[in-house]
Amino acid sequence: MPQDERPPSFERFDAALARMRAGGGERPEAGDRKPSGYGLGLQAGIEVLAGFLVGFALGWALDGWTGLRPLFTVLFVVLGGAAGLLNAYRDLRRAGETGRKVPGTGDDPAEGEPDGRG
């Protein structure tokens, strides 16, 4: 690095940071944001897959330890898959309760009465 070139000062950075802090306002907290449909689907899929994989790993290890080759693998894959599906169902149900309106359920006042009189 030649003597003529000096590293840039932090004045521009400080000025840009001050502008962003002054005009940006508050960022929403993580719990205040609504998840996207893509994010919910991806999370549900990962939870189901993780349940199957953990069940397979536990069953395979127990089968190797006890010598009962397919018994524990099959049992724990089924149990792990059921646990993964239950976790995904709970997360999707919780996401549905956080403010998403379902058409035809009477939750939206603009729809009128749920029995069709509105």
Protein backbone atom coordinates (compact mmCIF):
# COMPACT_ATOMS: atom_id res chain seq x y z
CA MET A 1 0.00 0.00 0.00
CA PRO A 2 1.60 3.26 -1.09
CA GLN A 3 2.05 6.06 1.42
CA ASP A 4 -0.35 8.35 -0.52
CA GLU A 5 -3.39 6.09 -0.03
CA ARG A 6 -4.90 6.18 3.40
CA PRO A 7 -7.78 4.01 4.57
CA PRO A 8 -11.14 5.75 4.31
CA SER A 9 -12.28 7.48 7.41
CA PHE A 10 -15.32 6.44 9.32
CA GLU A 11 -17.00 9.81 8.88
CA ARG A 12 -19.12 8.64 5.93
CA PHE A 13 -20.03 5.47 7.79
CA ASP A 14 -20.98 7.38 10.93
CA ALA A 15 -23.08 9.82 8.91
CA ALA A 16 -24.89 7.00 7.10
CA LEU A 17 -25.48 5.17 10.38
CA ALA A 18 -26.89 8.33 11.98
CA ARG A 19 -29.25 8.85 8.99
CA MET A 20 -30.48 5.29 9.22
CA ARG A 21 -31.05 5.49 12.97
CA ALA A 22 -32.89 8.80 12.72
CA GLY A 23 -35.17 7.94 9.81
CA GLY A 24 -35.56 4.19 10.15
CA GLY A 25 -37.79 4.10 13.20
CA GLU A 26 -38.17 1.00 15.30
CA ARG A 27 -37.78 -2.44 13.83
CA PRO A 28 -40.60 -4.85 14.59
CA GLU A 29 -39.85 -7.53 17.13
CA ALA A 30 -39.54 -11.10 15.87
CA GLY A 31 -42.81 -12.10 17.54
CA ASP A 32 -44.72 -9.22 15.93
CA ARG A 33 -44.10 -10.32 12.35
CA LYS A 34 -46.49 -12.72 10.66
CA PRO A 35 -44.79 -15.66 8.98
CA SER A 36 -45.23 -16.15 5.26
CA GLY A 37 -46.98 -19.17 3.81
CA TYR A 38 -43.71 -20.36 2.31
CA GLY A 39 -41.98 -20.13 5.68
CA LEU A 40 -44.77 -22.01 7.43
CA GLY A 41 -44.74 -24.78 4.84
CA LEU A 42 -40.97 -25.08 4.96
CA GLN A 43 -40.99 -25.26 8.75
CA ALA A 44 -43.72 -27.91 8.75
CA GLY A 45 -41.86 -30.01 6.19
CA ILE A 46 -38.60 -29.79 8.10
CA GLU A 47 -40.31 -30.83 11.33
CA VAL A 48 -41.89 -33.88 9.68
CA LEU A 49 -38.60 -34.86 8.04
CA ALA A 50 -36.70 -34.38 11.30
CA GLY A 51 -39.18 -36.61 13.12
CA PHE A 52 -38.68 -39.39 10.59
CA LEU A 53 -34.89 -39.06 10.66
CA VAL A 54 -34.61 -39.01 14.44
CA GLY A 55 -36.96 -41.99 14.67
CA PHE A 56 -34.91 -43.88 12.11
CA ALA A 57 -31.64 -43.12 13.89
CA LEU A 58 -32.97 -44.19 17.29
CA GLY A 59 -34.53 -47.36 15.88
CA TRP A 60 -31.43 -48.29 13.93
CA ALA A 61 -29.25 -47.80 17.02
CA LEU A 62 -31.57 -49.87 19.20
CA ASP A 63 -31.75 -52.61 16.56
CA GLY A 64 -27.97 -52.79 16.43
CA TRP A 65 -27.74 -52.91 20.20
CA THR A 66 -30.45 -55.56 20.72
CA GLY A 67 -29.97 -57.57 17.51
CA LEU A 68 -33.65 -57.32 16.55
CA ARG A 69 -32.95 -55.89 13.09
CA PRO A 70 -36.16 -54.43 11.66
CA LEU A 71 -38.32 -54.18 14.77
CA PHE A 72 -37.16 -50.96 16.43
CA THR A 73 -36.36 -49.21 13.15
CA VAL A 74 -39.92 -49.65 11.88
CA LEU A 75 -41.42 -48.78 15.26
CA PHE A 76 -39.40 -45.61 15.78
CA VAL A 77 -39.82 -44.41 12.18
CA VAL A 78 -43.58 -44.59 12.68
CA LEU A 79 -43.38 -42.89 16.09
CA GLY A 80 -40.96 -40.24 14.84
CA GLY A 81 -43.13 -39.49 11.84
CA ALA A 82 -46.20 -39.19 14.04
CA ALA A 83 -44.33 -36.83 16.39
CA GLY A 84 -43.16 -34.73 13.43
CA LEU A 85 -46.68 -34.52 12.02
CA LEU A 86 -48.05 -33.54 15.43
CA ASN A 87 -45.43 -30.79 15.80
CA ALA A 88 -46.16 -29.48 12.31
CA TYR A 89 -49.91 -29.53 13.00
CA ARG A 90 -49.44 -27.59 16.25
CA ASP A 91 -47.27 -24.96 14.59
CA LEU A 92 -49.64 -24.50 11.67
CA ARG A 93 -52.65 -24.30 13.99
CA ARG A 94 -50.84 -21.72 16.15
CA ALA A 95 -49.99 -19.70 13.04
CA GLY A 96 -53.63 -19.83 12.00
CA GLU A 97 -54.74 -18.48 15.37
CA THR A 98 -52.47 -15.42 15.23
CA GLY A 99 -54.75 -13.34 13.09
CA ARG A 100 -55.18 -14.96 9.73
CA LYS A 101 -58.80 -14.82 8.65
CA VAL A 102 -60.31 -17.95 7.17
CA PRO A 103 -63.03 -17.15 4.59
CA GLY A 104 -66.48 -18.47 5.42
CA THR A 105 -65.92 -18.90 9.15
CA GLY A 106 -67.60 -15.71 10.27
CA ASP A 107 -64.37 -14.24 11.62
CA ASP A 108 -64.42 -11.34 9.20
CA PRO A 109 -67.15 -8.72 9.93
CA ALA A 110 -67.27 -7.82 6.23
CA GLU A 111 -68.62 -11.28 5.44
CA GLY A 112 -71.83 -10.84 7.41
CA GLU A 113 -73.41 -13.52 9.53
CA PRO A 114 -71.93 -17.04 9.34
CA ASP A 115 -75.35 -18.58 8.72
CA GLY A 116 -75.84 -16.62 5.48
CA ARG A 117 -78.34 -14.02 6.74
CA GLY A 118 -75.86 -11.14 6.55
